[in-house]
Amino acid sequence: MLAAGKPIFGICLGHQLLALALGARTYKLARGHRGANQPVKDLTTGKVEITSQNHGFAVDESTLPEGVIITHKSLFDGTNEGIAAPAQRAFSVQYHPEASPGPTDSSYLFRRFVAMMEG
């Protein structure tokens, strides 16, 4: 999919799979992120989103290849919560924007993906 240039939007495990496909690594968290009140900062806008999460692993930012942008950070423990690979037309978040805990904090991600598919 990456080589074909098809738009990709990874959610939760999809975030980790995208990172692995790009050549990064993941690691087990000492304490997983669980629940619907997890604050995440969008580094591109500076906005804080309230997110729903259920995972025990994180993407190791130090292993991300050149050209991959860190887009989101956990305000709980500073771990990676989002990446973008513009050259591959792919982006992902570690949390569940479809769960709507904010309730609309993360809805822009779906609009971003639709625009990527239309473009």
Protein backbone atom coordinates (compact mmCIF):
# COMPACT_ATOMS: atom_id res chain seq x y z
CA MET A 1 0.00 0.00 0.00
CA LEU A 2 2.80 2.44 0.84
CA ALA A 3 4.63 1.77 -2.41
CA ALA A 4 1.40 2.12 -4.38
CA GLY A 5 0.81 5.57 -2.91
CA LYS A 6 -2.70 4.73 -1.76
CA PRO A 7 -3.90 7.02 1.06
CA ILE A 8 -3.56 5.40 4.49
CA PHE A 9 -5.07 6.45 7.82
CA GLY A 10 -3.94 4.19 10.66
CA ILE A 11 -5.88 4.06 13.92
CA CYS A 12 -4.52 2.46 17.13
CA LEU A 13 -2.92 -0.82 15.99
CA GLY A 14 -2.91 0.69 12.48
CA HIS A 15 -0.65 3.43 13.86
CA GLN A 16 1.84 0.84 15.07
CA LEU A 17 1.62 -1.15 11.84
CA LEU A 18 2.24 1.96 9.75
CA ALA A 19 5.27 2.84 11.87
CA LEU A 20 6.63 -0.71 11.51
CA ALA A 21 6.02 -0.65 7.74
CA LEU A 22 7.99 2.60 7.56
CA GLY A 23 10.90 0.97 9.39
CA ALA A 24 10.33 2.16 12.97
CA ARG A 25 10.07 0.02 16.09
CA THR A 26 7.58 -0.25 18.92
CA TYR A 27 8.06 -0.99 22.61
CA LYS A 28 5.93 -2.17 25.52
CA LEU A 29 4.70 0.54 27.86
CA ALA A 30 5.20 0.15 31.60
CA ARG A 31 1.55 1.12 31.94
CA GLY A 32 -0.77 1.00 28.97
CA HIS A 33 -3.07 3.80 27.92
CA ARG A 34 -6.63 2.81 28.77
CA GLY A 35 -9.82 4.81 28.94
CA ALA A 36 -11.66 7.73 27.41
CA ASN A 37 -9.97 10.67 29.10
CA GLN A 38 -6.45 10.65 27.65
CA PRO A 39 -5.08 14.11 26.69
CA VAL A 40 -3.12 14.27 23.43
CA LYS A 41 -1.51 17.35 21.87
CA ASP A 42 -1.65 17.88 18.12
CA LEU A 43 1.81 19.30 17.45
CA THR A 44 0.74 20.80 14.11
CA THR A 45 -1.99 22.99 15.65
CA GLY A 46 -1.08 23.10 19.34
CA LYS A 47 -4.59 21.95 20.25
CA VAL A 48 -5.21 19.38 22.98
CA GLU A 49 -7.66 16.58 22.25
CA ILE A 50 -9.40 14.34 24.74
CA THR A 51 -9.02 10.83 23.35
CA SER A 52 -10.09 7.25 23.94
CA GLN A 53 -7.27 4.70 24.08
CA ASN A 54 -6.68 1.01 24.68
CA HIS A 55 -3.11 -0.06 23.98
CA GLY A 56 0.00 -1.30 25.72
CA PHE A 57 2.69 -0.49 23.14
CA ALA A 58 4.07 2.75 21.67
CA VAL A 59 6.06 3.80 18.63
CA ASP A 60 9.73 4.49 19.37
CA GLU A 61 10.21 7.97 17.92
CA SER A 62 14.00 7.57 17.81
CA THR A 63 13.59 4.86 15.16
CA LEU A 64 11.34 6.82 12.79
CA PRO A 65 12.99 7.24 9.40
CA GLU A 66 13.78 10.57 7.78
CA GLY A 67 10.70 12.15 6.24
CA VAL A 68 8.28 10.87 8.88
CA ILE A 69 6.80 13.67 10.98
CA ILE A 70 5.77 13.35 14.62
CA THR A 71 2.29 14.90 14.78
CA HIS A 72 0.83 14.00 18.20
CA LYS A 73 2.15 13.48 21.74
CA SER A 74 0.57 12.05 24.87
CA LEU A 75 0.27 14.63 27.63
CA PHE A 76 0.00 11.72 30.03
CA ASP A 77 3.53 10.36 29.54
CA GLY A 78 5.03 12.06 26.45
CA THR A 79 4.84 8.99 24.21
CA ASN A 80 4.15 9.18 20.50
CA GLU A 81 0.49 9.43 19.54
CA GLY A 82 0.70 10.28 15.84
CA ILE A 83 2.88 10.35 12.75
CA ALA A 84 2.63 11.48 9.14
CA ALA A 85 4.53 10.24 6.10
CA PRO A 86 3.62 12.82 3.44
CA ALA A 87 5.71 11.22 0.69
CA GLN A 88 3.72 7.98 1.16
CA ARG A 89 0.35 9.75 1.62
CA ALA A 90 -0.06 8.17 5.06
CA PHE A 91 -0.75 9.29 8.60
CA SER A 92 -1.86 7.64 11.82
CA VAL A 93 -2.84 8.18 15.43
CA GLN A 94 -2.43 5.84 18.38
CA TYR A 95 -5.87 6.63 19.79
CA HIS A 96 -9.48 6.07 18.68
CA PRO A 97 -10.92 9.21 17.05
CA GLU A 98 -14.05 7.25 16.08
CA ALA A 99 -14.87 6.79 19.79
CA SER A 100 -15.62 10.54 20.07
CA PRO A 101 -14.63 11.10 23.71
CA GLY A 102 -14.01 14.81 23.03
CA PRO A 103 -16.70 14.45 21.44
CA THR A 104 -15.58 16.21 18.25
CA ASP A 105 -11.93 16.94 19.14
CA SER A 106 -10.55 14.42 16.64
CA SER A 107 -13.15 14.58 13.84
CA TYR A 108 -10.78 16.66 11.69
CA LEU A 109 -8.72 13.51 11.12
CA PHE A 110 -11.50 11.93 9.08
CA ARG A 111 -11.90 15.10 7.01
CA ARG A 112 -8.13 15.06 6.43
CA PHE A 113 -8.29 11.48 5.20
CA VAL A 114 -11.23 12.16 2.88
CA ALA A 115 -9.35 15.13 1.40
CA MET A 116 -6.31 12.89 0.91
CA MET A 117 -8.46 10.33 -0.94
CA GLU A 118 -10.01 13.02 -3.13
CA GLY A 119 -6.66 14.65 -3.90
